C-alpha cells in the first residue's frame, strides 16, 4: 500500500477538512467535509486523501502505509 500524502494527528474523533494546507488557502482547497473517526482510529478525506489519526488510537504510531484507505462512511 502507499502511505497517504499527509497525516494529521487529532485529539477528537470528529474532524473537518477543507483541503487547506501550507501554501494553499481554504478557498483553493475543496468543500468543507466533516469526518468521523471510527474504531480503526483513523479516517481519510475523500477529496484530498489527507488522513486523520486519533491520538492514542489504534492507528497512532503505526506505519500508515500498512493501513487500508478508510473514507468517511466506508466500512472495512
PDB file of N, CA and C in Angstrom:
ATOM      1  N   UNK A   1       0.837  -1.180   0.000  1.00  0.00           N
ATOM      2  CA  UNK A   1       0.000   0.000   0.000  1.00  0.00           C
ATOM      3  C   UNK A   1       0.880   1.241   0.000  1.00  0.00           C
ATOM      4  N   UNK A   2       0.315   2.319  -0.443  1.00  0.00           N
ATOM      5  CA  UNK A   2       1.018   3.598  -0.495  1.00  0.00           C
ATOM      6  C   UNK A   2       0.575   4.434   0.697  1.00  0.00           C
ATOM      7  N   UNK A   3       1.513   5.053   1.362  1.00  0.00           N
ATOM      8  CA  UNK A   3       1.192   5.912   2.503  1.00  0.00           C
ATOM      9  C   UNK A   3       0.393   7.124   2.027  1.00  0.00           C
ATOM     10  N   UNK A   4      -0.517   7.653   2.869  1.00  0.00           N
ATOM     11  CA  UNK A   4      -1.287   8.839   2.478  1.00  0.00           C
ATOM     12  C   UNK A   4      -0.359  10.037   2.294  1.00  0.00           C
ATOM     13  N   UNK A   5      -0.751  11.003   1.461  1.00  0.00           N
ATOM     14  CA  UNK A   5       0.117  12.145   1.188  1.00  0.00           C
ATOM     15  C   UNK A   5       0.349  13.033   2.412  1.00  0.00           C
ATOM     16  N   UNK A   6      -0.613  13.074   3.331  1.00  0.00           N
ATOM     17  CA  UNK A   6      -0.472  13.889   4.530  1.00  0.00           C
ATOM     18  C   UNK A   6      -1.222  13.222   5.672  1.00  0.00           C
ATOM     19  N   UNK A   7      -0.603  13.171   6.842  1.00  0.00           N
ATOM     20  CA  UNK A   7      -1.229  12.598   8.032  1.00  0.00           C
ATOM     21  C   UNK A   7      -1.320  13.695   9.085  1.00  0.00           C
ATOM     22  N   UNK A   8      -2.523  13.873   9.624  1.00  0.00           N
ATOM     23  CA  UNK A   8      -2.754  14.854  10.670  1.00  0.00           C
ATOM     24  C   UNK A   8      -3.230  14.128  11.917  1.00  0.00           C
ATOM     25  N   UNK A   9      -2.514  14.288  13.018  1.00  0.00           N
ATOM     26  CA  UNK A   9      -2.918  13.673  14.285  1.00  0.00           C
ATOM     27  C   UNK A   9      -3.888  14.628  14.977  1.00  0.00           C
ATOM     28  N   UNK A  10      -5.007  14.089  15.447  1.00  0.00           N
ATOM     29  CA  UNK A  10      -6.054  14.905  16.066  1.00  0.00           C
ATOM     30  C   UNK A  10      -6.437  14.320  17.422  1.00  0.00           C
ATOM     31  N   UNK A  11      -7.028  15.160  18.266  1.00  0.00           N
ATOM     32  CA  UNK A  11      -7.413  14.717  19.609  1.00  0.00           C
ATOM     33  C   UNK A  11      -8.898  14.398  19.727  1.00  0.00           C
ATOM     34  N   UNK A  12      -9.691  14.734  18.713  1.00  0.00           N
ATOM     35  CA  UNK A  12     -11.134  14.486  18.732  1.00  0.00           C
ATOM     36  C   UNK A  12     -11.509  13.564  17.568  1.00  0.00           C
ATOM     37  N   UNK A  13     -12.507  12.681  17.755  1.00  0.00           N
ATOM     38  CA  UNK A  13     -12.885  11.763  16.678  1.00  0.00           C
ATOM     39  C   UNK A  13     -13.686  12.412  15.548  1.00  0.00           C
ATOM     40  N   UNK A  14     -14.176  13.630  15.741  1.00  0.00           N
ATOM     41  CA  UNK A  14     -14.917  14.344  14.693  1.00  0.00           C
ATOM     42  C   UNK A  14     -14.028  15.454  14.172  1.00  0.00           C
ATOM     43  N   UNK A  15     -13.722  15.429  12.865  1.00  0.00           N
ATOM     44  CA  UNK A  15     -12.820  16.413  12.271  1.00  0.00           C
ATOM     45  C   UNK A  15     -13.453  17.026  11.026  1.00  0.00           C
ATOM     46  N   UNK A  16     -12.918  18.172  10.627  1.00  0.00           N
ATOM     47  CA  UNK A  16     -13.360  18.841   9.400  1.00  0.00           C
ATOM     48  C   UNK A  16     -12.152  18.983   8.479  1.00  0.00           C
ATOM     49  N   UNK A  17     -12.379  18.849   7.182  1.00  0.00           N
ATOM     50  CA  UNK A  17     -11.313  19.014   6.199  1.00  0.00           C
ATOM     51  C   UNK A  17     -11.830  19.893   5.064  1.00  0.00           C
ATOM     52  N   UNK A  18     -11.019  20.883   4.682  1.00  0.00           N
ATOM     53  CA  UNK A  18     -11.384  21.753   3.558  1.00  0.00           C
ATOM     54  C   UNK A  18     -10.271  21.823   2.517  1.00  0.00           C
ATOM     55  N   UNK A  19      -9.276  20.970   2.657  1.00  0.00           N
ATOM     56  CA  UNK A  19      -8.195  20.928   1.682  1.00  0.00           C
ATOM     57  C   UNK A  19      -7.114  21.961   1.890  1.00  0.00           C
ATOM     58  N   UNK A  20      -7.295  22.855   2.870  1.00  0.00           N
ATOM     59  CA  UNK A  20      -6.277  23.868   3.125  1.00  0.00           C
ATOM     60  C   UNK A  20      -5.030  23.205   3.701  1.00  0.00           C
ATOM     61  N   UNK A  21      -3.879  23.694   3.299  1.00  0.00           N
ATOM     62  CA  UNK A  21      -2.602  23.219   3.830  1.00  0.00           C
ATOM     63  C   UNK A  21      -1.581  24.316   3.638  1.00  0.00           C
ATOM     64  N   UNK A  22      -0.364  24.076   4.021  1.00  0.00           N
ATOM     65  CA  UNK A  22       0.678  25.092   3.908  1.00  0.00           C
ATOM     66  C   UNK A  22       0.758  25.604   2.469  1.00  0.00           C
ATOM     67  N   UNK A  23       0.540  26.882   2.295  1.00  0.00           N
ATOM     68  CA  UNK A  23       0.627  27.481   0.967  1.00  0.00           C
ATOM     69  C   UNK A  23      -0.642  27.407   0.146  1.00  0.00           C
ATOM     70  N   UNK A  24      -1.647  26.675   0.615  1.00  0.00           N
ATOM     71  CA  UNK A  24      -2.917  26.568  -0.104  1.00  0.00           C
ATOM     72  C   UNK A  24      -4.042  27.000   0.834  1.00  0.00           C
ATOM     73  N   UNK A  25      -4.646  28.171   0.590  1.00  0.00           N
ATOM     74  CA  UNK A  25      -5.745  28.611   1.452  1.00  0.00           C
ATOM     75  C   UNK A  25      -6.996  27.765   1.229  1.00  0.00           C
ATOM     76  N   UNK A  26      -7.907  27.797   2.179  1.00  0.00           N
ATOM     77  CA  UNK A  26      -9.139  27.006   2.098  1.00  0.00           C
ATOM     78  C   UNK A  26      -9.933  27.317   0.830  1.00  0.00           C
ATOM     79  N   UNK A  27      -9.873  28.555   0.364  1.00  0.00           N
ATOM     80  CA  UNK A  27     -10.625  28.941  -0.831  1.00  0.00           C
ATOM     81  C   UNK A  27     -10.165  28.169  -2.073  1.00  0.00           C
ATOM     82  N   UNK A  28      -8.954  27.649  -2.050  1.00  0.00           N
ATOM     83  CA  UNK A  28      -8.435  26.887  -3.194  1.00  0.00           C
ATOM     84  C   UNK A  28      -8.431  25.382  -2.930  1.00  0.00           C
ATOM     85  N   UNK A  29      -8.970  24.974  -1.801  1.00  0.00           N
ATOM     86  CA  UNK A  29      -8.999  23.556  -1.445  1.00  0.00           C
ATOM     87  C   UNK A  29     -10.221  22.863  -2.029  1.00  0.00           C
ATOM     88  N   UNK A  30     -11.063  22.321  -1.172  1.00  0.00           N
ATOM     89  CA  UNK A  30     -12.286  21.630  -1.593  1.00  0.00           C
ATOM     90  C   UNK A  30     -13.402  21.981  -0.608  1.00  0.00           C
ATOM     91  N   UNK A  31     -14.642  21.603  -0.891  1.00  0.00           N
ATOM     92  CA  UNK A  31     -15.724  21.902   0.057  1.00  0.00           C
ATOM     93  C   UNK A  31     -15.410  21.304   1.429  1.00  0.00           C
ATOM     94  N   UNK A  32     -15.782  22.013   2.484  1.00  0.00           N
ATOM     95  CA  UNK A  32     -15.550  21.511   3.841  1.00  0.00           C
ATOM     96  C   UNK A  32     -16.410  20.280   4.079  1.00  0.00           C
ATOM     97  N   UNK A  33     -15.782  19.223   4.529  1.00  0.00           N
ATOM     98  CA  UNK A  33     -16.484  17.989   4.881  1.00  0.00           C
ATOM     99  C   UNK A  33     -16.153  17.646   6.329  1.00  0.00           C
ATOM    100  N   UNK A  34     -17.101  17.024   7.008  1.00  0.00           N
ATOM    101  CA  UNK A  34     -16.908  16.580   8.382  1.00  0.00           C
ATOM    102  C   UNK A  34     -16.774  15.065   8.372  1.00  0.00           C
ATOM    103  N   UNK A  35     -15.752  14.579   9.042  1.00  0.00           N
ATOM    104  CA  UNK A  35     -15.424  13.164   9.044  1.00  0.00           C
ATOM    105  C   UNK A  35     -15.454  12.624  10.471  1.00  0.00           C
ATOM    106  N   UNK A  36     -15.835  11.376  10.618  1.00  0.00           N
ATOM    107  CA  UNK A  36     -15.897  10.727  11.926  1.00  0.00           C
ATOM    108  C   UNK A  36     -14.890   9.579  11.965  1.00  0.00           C
ATOM    109  N   UNK A  37     -13.994   9.618  12.923  1.00  0.00           N
ATOM    110  CA  UNK A  37     -13.023   8.536  13.097  1.00  0.00           C
ATOM    111  C   UNK A  37     -13.714   7.408  13.858  1.00  0.00           C
ATOM    112  N   UNK A  38     -13.611   6.187  13.329  1.00  0.00           N
ATOM    113  CA  UNK A  38     -14.293   5.047  13.949  1.00  0.00           C
ATOM    114  C   UNK A  38     -13.305   4.198  14.753  1.00  0.00           C
ATOM    115  N   UNK A  39     -13.661   2.949  14.991  1.00  0.00           N
ATOM    116  CA  UNK A  39     -12.849   2.058  15.830  1.00  0.00           C
ATOM    117  C   UNK A  39     -11.477   1.744  15.241  1.00  0.00           C
ATOM    118  N   UNK A  40     -11.262   2.042  13.973  1.00  0.00           N
ATOM    119  CA  UNK A  40      -9.949   1.814  13.366  1.00  0.00           C
ATOM    120  C   UNK A  40      -8.935   2.874  13.805  1.00  0.00           C
ATOM    121  N   UNK A  41      -9.424   4.005  14.294  1.00  0.00           N
ATOM    122  CA  UNK A  41      -8.549   5.060  14.795  1.00  0.00           C
ATOM    123  C   UNK A  41      -8.108   6.066  13.763  1.00  0.00           C
ATOM    124  N   UNK A  42      -8.676   6.011  12.547  1.00  0.00           N
ATOM    125  CA  UNK A  42      -8.313   6.976  11.515  1.00  0.00           C
ATOM    126  C   UNK A  42      -9.404   7.035  10.452  1.00  0.00           C
ATOM    127  N   UNK A  43      -9.367   8.109   9.654  1.00  0.00           N
ATOM    128  CA  UNK A  43     -10.272   8.263   8.521  1.00  0.00           C
ATOM    129  C   UNK A  43      -9.549   9.084   7.463  1.00  0.00           C
ATOM    130  N   UNK A  44      -9.862   8.832   6.192  1.00  0.00           N
ATOM    131  CA  UNK A  44      -9.253   9.558   5.075  1.00  0.00           C
ATOM    132  C   UNK A  44     -10.279  10.479   4.434  1.00  0.00           C
ATOM    133  N   UNK A  45      -9.835  11.671   4.052  1.00  0.00           N
ATOM    134  CA  UNK A  45     -10.709  12.596   3.325  1.00  0.00           C
ATOM    135  C   UNK A  45     -10.883  12.073   1.901  1.00  0.00           C
ATOM    136  N   UNK A  46     -12.104  12.008   1.450  1.00  0.00           N
ATOM    137  CA  UNK A  46     -12.397  11.524   0.105  1.00  0.00           C
ATOM    138  C   UNK A  46     -11.973  12.487  -0.993  1.00  0.00           C
ATOM    139  N   UNK A  47     -11.754  13.759  -0.657  1.00  0.00           N
ATOM    140  CA  UNK A  47     -11.326  14.741  -1.653  1.00  0.00           C
ATOM    141  C   UNK A  47      -9.808  14.790  -1.810  1.00  0.00           C
ATOM    142  N   UNK A  48      -9.104  14.979  -0.715  1.00  0.00           N
ATOM    143  CA  UNK A  48      -7.663  15.240  -0.808  1.00  0.00           C
ATOM    144  C   UNK A  48      -6.791  14.104  -0.266  1.00  0.00           C
ATOM    145  N   UNK A  49      -7.396  13.044   0.234  1.00  0.00           N
ATOM    146  CA  UNK A  49      -6.685  11.874   0.756  1.00  0.00           C
ATOM    147  C   UNK A  49      -5.898  12.143   2.036  1.00  0.00           C
ATOM    148  N   UNK A  50      -6.103  13.301   2.663  1.00  0.00           N
ATOM    149  CA  UNK A  50      -5.450  13.550   3.954  1.00  0.00           C
ATOM    150  C   UNK A  50      -5.988  12.551   4.961  1.00  0.00           C
ATOM    151  N   UNK A  51      -5.108  11.991   5.758  1.00  0.00           N
ATOM    152  CA  UNK A  51      -5.513  11.019   6.774  1.00  0.00           C
ATOM    153  C   UNK A  51      -5.508  11.697   8.141  1.00  0.00           C
ATOM    154  N   UNK A  52      -6.580  11.496   8.884  1.00  0.00           N
ATOM    155  CA  UNK A  52      -6.701  11.997  10.245  1.00  0.00           C
ATOM    156  C   UNK A  52      -6.581  10.806  11.180  1.00  0.00           C
ATOM    157  N   UNK A  53      -5.594  10.856  12.078  1.00  0.00           N
ATOM    158  CA  UNK A  53      -5.323   9.765  13.009  1.00  0.00           C
ATOM    159  C   UNK A  53      -5.607  10.260  14.424  1.00  0.00           C
ATOM    160  N   UNK A  54      -6.412   9.502  15.166  1.00  0.00           N
ATOM    161  CA  UNK A  54      -6.763   9.861  16.535  1.00  0.00           C
ATOM    162  C   UNK A  54      -5.578   9.583  17.450  1.00  0.00           C
ATOM    163  N   UNK A  55      -5.135  10.604  18.169  1.00  0.00           N
ATOM    164  CA  UNK A  55      -4.015  10.460  19.098  1.00  0.00           C
ATOM    165  C   UNK A  55      -4.382   9.428  20.165  1.00  0.00           C
ATOM    166  N   UNK A  56      -3.527   8.449  20.351  1.00  0.00           N
ATOM    167  CA  UNK A  56      -3.761   7.395  21.331  1.00  0.00           C
ATOM    168  C   UNK A  56      -4.640   6.268  20.813  1.00  0.00           C
ATOM    169  N   UNK A  57      -5.134   6.387  19.580  1.00  0.00           N
ATOM    170  CA  UNK A  57      -5.983   5.359  18.982  1.00  0.00           C
ATOM    171  C   UNK A  57      -5.161   4.215  18.416  1.00  0.00           C
ATOM    172  N   UNK A  58      -5.831   3.184  17.890  1.00  0.00           N
ATOM    173  CA  UNK A  58      -5.123   2.013  17.385  1.00  0.00           C
ATOM    174  C   UNK A  58      -4.198   2.288  16.194  1.00  0.00           C
ATOM    175  N   UNK A  59      -4.420   3.362  15.454  1.00  0.00           N
ATOM    176  CA  UNK A  59      -3.578   3.663  14.289  1.00  0.00           C
ATOM    177  C   UNK A  59      -2.459   4.645  14.614  1.00  0.00           C
ATOM    178  N   UNK A  60      -2.441   5.185  15.825  1.00  0.00           N
ATOM    179  CA  UNK A  60      -1.415   6.153  16.219  1.00  0.00           C
ATOM    180  C   UNK A  60      -0.091   5.425  16.422  1.00  0.00           C
ATOM    181  N   UNK A  61       0.938   5.860  15.736  1.00  0.00           N
ATOM    182  CA  UNK A  61       2.252   5.259  15.863  1.00  0.00           C
ATOM    183  C   UNK A  61       2.484   4.075  14.938  1.00  0.00           C
ATOM    184  N   UNK A  62       1.514   3.739  14.116  1.00  0.00           N
ATOM    185  CA  UNK A  62       1.615   2.621  13.178  1.00  0.00           C
ATOM    186  C   UNK A  62       2.090   3.156  11.831  1.00  0.00           C
ATOM    187  N   UNK A  63       2.806   2.334  11.060  1.00  0.00           N
ATOM    188  CA  UNK A  63       3.216   2.727   9.710  1.00  0.00           C
ATOM    189  C   UNK A  63       1.950   2.915   8.873  1.00  0.00           C
ATOM    190  N   UNK A  64       1.657   4.149   8.481  1.00  0.00           N
ATOM    191  CA  UNK A  64       0.419   4.471   7.774  1.00  0.00           C
ATOM    192  C   UNK A  64       0.342   3.808   6.401  1.00  0.00           C
ATOM    193  N   UNK A  65       1.470   3.451   5.825  1.00  0.00           N
ATOM    194  CA  UNK A  65       1.483   2.770   4.537  1.00  0.00           C
ATOM    195  C   UNK A  65       0.947   1.350   4.619  1.00  0.00           C
ATOM    196  N   UNK A  66       0.881   0.793   5.823  1.00  0.00           N
ATOM    197  CA  UNK A  66       0.375  -0.567   6.014  1.00  0.00           C
ATOM    198  C   UNK A  66      -1.141  -0.620   6.211  1.00  0.00           C
ATOM    199  N   UNK A  67      -1.776   0.528   6.376  1.00  0.00           N
ATOM    200  CA  UNK A  67      -3.209   0.586   6.658  1.00  0.00           C
ATOM    201  C   UNK A  67      -4.009   0.836   5.383  1.00  0.00           C
ATOM    202  N   UNK A  68      -5.181   0.209   5.222  1.00  0.00           N
ATOM    203  CA  UNK A  68      -6.009   0.470   4.038  1.00  0.00           C
ATOM    204  C   UNK A  68      -6.675   1.838   4.121  1.00  0.00           C
ATOM    205  N   UNK A  69      -7.110   2.361   2.992  1.00  0.00           N
ATOM    206  CA  UNK A  69      -7.851   3.626   2.966  1.00  0.00           C
ATOM    207  C   UNK A  69      -9.221   3.408   3.607  1.00  0.00           C
ATOM    208  N   UNK A  70      -9.600   4.346   4.465  1.00  0.00           N
ATOM    209  CA  UNK A  70     -10.949   4.330   5.037  1.00  0.00           C
ATOM    210  C   UNK A  70     -11.528   5.717   4.822  1.00  0.00           C
ATOM    211  N   UNK A  71     -12.377   5.837   3.825  1.00  0.00           N
ATOM    212  CA  UNK A  71     -13.041   7.104   3.554  1.00  0.00           C
ATOM    213  C   UNK A  71     -14.234   7.242   4.478  1.00  0.00           C
ATOM    214  N   UNK A  72     -14.679   8.458   4.701  1.00  0.00           N
ATOM    215  CA  UNK A  72     -15.821   8.687   5.573  1.00  0.00           C
ATOM    216  C   UNK A  72     -17.028   7.896   5.097  1.00  0.00           C
ATOM    217  N   UNK A  73     -17.654   7.185   6.014  1.00  0.00           N
ATOM    218  CA  UNK A  73     -18.842   6.422   5.674  1.00  0.00           C
ATOM    219  C   UNK A  73     -18.563   5.035   5.125  1.00  0.00           C
ATOM    220  N   UNK A  74     -17.294   4.721   4.894  1.00  0.00           N
ATOM    221  CA  UNK A  74     -16.946   3.402   4.369  1.00  0.00           C
ATOM    222  C   UNK A  74     -16.769   2.417   5.499  1.00  0.00           C
ATOM    223  N   UNK A  75     -16.901   1.166   5.199  1.00  0.00           N
ATOM    224  CA  UNK A  75     -16.651   0.131   6.203  1.00  0.00           C
ATOM    225  C   UNK A  75     -15.648  -0.861   5.645  1.00  0.00           C
ATOM    226  N   UNK A  76     -14.841  -1.415   6.522  1.00  0.00           N
ATOM    227  CA  UNK A  76     -13.796  -2.356   6.102  1.00  0.00           C
ATOM    228  C   UNK A  76     -14.120  -3.716   6.660  1.00  0.00           C
TER     229      UNK A  76
END
